[in-house]
Amino acid sequence: MADYRKTLVLDFDGVLHSYAGGWQGAAVIADPPVPGALEALVGYLDRFNVAIVSARSHQWGGRRAMKRWLRKWFSVWDHDTLFLSKPEWVQEFCAESVWAANDASHEAACDSVAERIVKRIRFPRHKPPAHLTIDDRAVTFQGPSKWPTVEEIEQFNPWNRA
């Protein structure tokens, strides 16, 4: 059966990954998610084919590092406070997984849910054609009479640097 859902492309650094520490190499992703990013991502998976891209996508270890980072943050929530609480939507997935597998290990079930979520996401080497791209370093083109000026481009700052 063909999948006719539209493709949504998400930039990784600055959109999903907070990128507070800046670039540390393609395989190094040290910062936590942008608040709300993981919840939004799971919501998008219900309606779109999601592709995650980054400057690290075509570099050795980059796509693997993004997958590993997502698995970590989908499995362990609120690690910094050591409370290990999980958002309600993750708890629901975990409960379904435990029930379906009849598994006594809640943590193992959540890990398998994290893996299941990550497997639904595409990690292409280059940006694919998309219905929409969400990127922290982009300007929406408004048509031929509205080209951004050189000054506007030079003064541009992403949301986390404004």
Protein backbone atom coordinates (compact mmCIF):
# COMPACT_ATOMS: atom_id res chain seq x y z
CA MET A 1 0.00 0.00 0.00
CA ALA A 2 1.40 3.38 -1.01
CA ASP A 3 1.87 6.11 1.57
CA TYR A 4 0.43 9.36 0.24
CA ARG A 5 1.15 11.50 3.28
CA LYS A 6 2.97 14.76 2.64
CA THR A 7 6.60 15.08 3.66
CA LEU A 8 7.54 17.42 6.47
CA VAL A 9 11.24 18.22 6.78
CA LEU A 10 12.61 19.27 10.16
CA ASP A 11 16.03 20.78 10.64
CA PHE A 12 17.77 19.14 13.58
CA ASP A 13 20.10 21.72 15.17
CA GLY A 14 18.19 24.68 16.57
CA VAL A 15 14.77 23.12 15.89
CA LEU A 16 14.80 19.75 17.68
CA HIS A 17 18.24 19.88 19.37
CA SER A 18 18.63 23.13 21.35
CA TYR A 19 22.16 23.60 19.96
CA ALA A 20 23.12 25.80 22.92
CA GLY A 21 26.71 24.54 22.90
CA GLY A 22 27.16 25.08 19.18
CA TRP A 23 28.86 22.78 16.70
CA GLN A 24 31.08 20.14 18.30
CA GLY A 25 31.34 17.76 15.37
CA ALA A 26 28.90 15.71 13.32
CA ALA A 27 28.74 12.85 15.82
CA VAL A 28 28.60 15.02 18.98
CA ILE A 29 25.17 16.21 20.15
CA ALA A 30 25.54 17.48 23.69
CA ASP A 31 22.47 19.62 24.35
CA PRO A 32 18.87 18.76 25.30
CA PRO A 33 15.81 19.17 23.06
CA VAL A 34 14.09 22.47 22.41
CA PRO A 35 11.11 22.56 24.80
CA GLY A 36 8.09 20.94 23.13
CA ALA A 37 10.11 19.55 20.22
CA LEU A 38 9.62 15.86 20.99
CA GLU A 39 5.89 16.22 21.59
CA ALA A 40 5.53 18.12 18.30
CA LEU A 41 7.59 15.52 16.45
CA VAL A 42 5.39 12.65 17.62
CA GLY A 43 2.29 14.63 16.64
CA TYR A 44 3.69 15.24 13.17
CA LEU A 45 4.33 11.51 12.69
CA ASP A 46 0.57 10.89 12.78
CA ARG A 47 -0.02 13.06 9.70
CA PHE A 48 3.25 13.37 7.76
CA ASN A 49 6.25 11.46 6.56
CA VAL A 50 8.88 13.20 8.66
CA ALA A 51 12.45 13.65 7.47
CA ILE A 52 15.11 15.12 9.75
CA VAL A 53 18.05 16.87 8.11
CA SER A 54 21.12 18.67 9.36
CA ALA A 55 24.50 19.88 8.22
CA ARG A 56 25.65 16.68 9.95
CA SER A 57 23.42 14.43 7.77
CA HIS A 58 26.02 13.74 5.09
CA GLN A 59 28.98 13.42 7.47
CA TRP A 60 30.29 10.21 8.99
CA GLY A 61 28.35 9.38 12.16
CA GLY A 62 25.98 12.33 11.86
CA ARG A 63 22.73 10.51 11.09
CA ARG A 64 23.59 7.77 13.59
CA ALA A 65 24.22 10.43 16.26
CA MET A 66 20.84 12.08 15.60
CA LYS A 67 19.05 8.73 15.91
CA ARG A 68 20.92 7.92 19.11
CA TRP A 69 20.11 11.37 20.53
CA LEU A 70 16.41 10.96 19.74
CA ARG A 71 16.29 7.47 21.30
CA LYS A 72 17.93 8.84 24.45
CA TRP A 73 15.52 11.75 24.82
CA PHE A 74 12.44 9.69 23.98
CA SER A 75 13.52 7.08 26.56
CA VAL A 76 14.71 9.30 29.39
CA TRP A 77 12.76 12.46 30.04
CA ASP A 78 13.74 15.35 32.32
CA HIS A 79 17.15 13.78 33.02
CA ASP A 80 18.61 17.02 34.42
CA THR A 81 16.25 17.05 37.40
CA LEU A 82 16.70 13.28 37.90
CA PHE A 83 12.93 13.05 38.29
CA LEU A 84 12.71 10.84 35.18
CA SER A 85 9.16 11.98 34.55
CA LYS A 86 7.82 11.46 31.07
CA PRO A 87 5.26 13.52 29.19
CA GLU A 88 1.76 12.07 29.13
CA TRP A 89 1.98 11.01 25.48
CA VAL A 90 5.15 8.99 26.20
CA GLN A 91 3.53 7.42 29.25
CA GLU A 92 0.59 6.38 27.06
CA PHE A 93 2.91 4.80 24.48
CA CYS A 94 4.80 3.02 27.26
CA ALA A 95 1.60 1.73 28.84
CA GLU A 96 0.40 0.42 25.47
CA SER A 97 3.75 -1.25 24.85
CA VAL A 98 3.84 -2.89 28.29
CA TRP A 99 0.25 -4.07 27.87
CA ALA A 100 0.83 -5.37 24.34
CA ALA A 101 4.05 -7.15 25.26
CA ASN A 102 2.80 -8.24 28.68
CA ASP A 103 6.21 -7.05 29.87
CA ALA A 104 6.92 -6.24 33.52
CA SER A 105 9.79 -3.90 32.64
CA HIS A 106 8.35 -0.43 32.12
CA GLU A 107 11.79 1.01 31.27
CA ALA A 108 12.41 -1.63 28.59
CA ALA A 109 8.98 -0.94 27.12
CA CYS A 110 9.72 2.79 26.93
CA ASP A 111 13.04 2.05 25.23
CA SER A 112 11.23 -0.05 22.63
CA VAL A 113 8.71 2.76 22.12
CA ALA A 114 11.58 5.20 21.57
CA GLU A 115 13.04 2.84 18.98
CA ARG A 116 9.66 2.50 17.28
CA ILE A 117 9.28 6.28 17.05
CA VAL A 118 12.79 6.77 15.62
CA LYS A 119 12.21 4.03 13.02
CA ARG A 120 9.25 6.02 11.64
CA ILE A 121 11.51 8.99 10.84
CA ARG A 122 13.63 9.33 7.70
CA PHE A 123 17.20 10.60 8.00
CA PRO A 124 18.24 11.43 4.42
CA ARG A 125 21.72 12.65 3.51
CA HIS A 126 20.26 15.74 1.79
CA LYS A 127 17.04 17.73 2.11
CA PRO A 128 14.27 15.95 0.18
CA PRO A 129 11.35 17.63 -1.61
CA ALA A 130 8.80 18.57 1.04
CA HIS A 131 5.39 20.06 1.64
CA LEU A 132 7.02 22.24 4.31
CA THR A 133 10.38 22.66 5.99
CA ILE A 134 10.79 23.86 9.57
CA ASP A 135 14.20 25.44 10.01
CA ASP A 136 15.55 28.01 12.46
CA ARG A 137 17.77 29.55 9.79
CA ALA A 138 15.38 30.30 6.96
CA VAL A 139 13.22 33.12 5.63
CA THR A 140 9.95 32.41 3.89
CA PHE A 141 10.13 33.62 0.30
CA GLN A 142 7.24 36.06 -0.18
CA GLY A 143 7.39 36.38 -3.96
CA PRO A 144 9.33 38.27 -6.62
CA SER A 145 8.53 41.74 -5.31
CA LYS A 146 9.55 40.90 -1.73
CA TRP A 147 13.17 39.74 -1.95
CA PRO A 148 14.95 40.21 1.40
CA THR A 149 17.46 43.04 1.35
CA VAL A 150 21.16 42.49 1.95
CA GLU A 151 20.76 44.31 5.28
CA GLU A 152 17.88 42.02 6.36
CA ILE A 153 19.97 38.97 5.51
CA GLU A 154 23.02 40.31 7.35
CA GLN A 155 20.94 41.15 10.44
CA PHE A 156 19.15 37.79 10.55
CA ASN A 157 19.40 35.83 13.80
CA PRO A 158 17.78 32.48 14.60
CA TRP A 159 15.27 32.41 17.45
CA ASN A 160 17.85 31.28 20.02
CA ARG A 161 20.32 34.06 19.19
CA ALA A 162 17.89 37.02 18.93
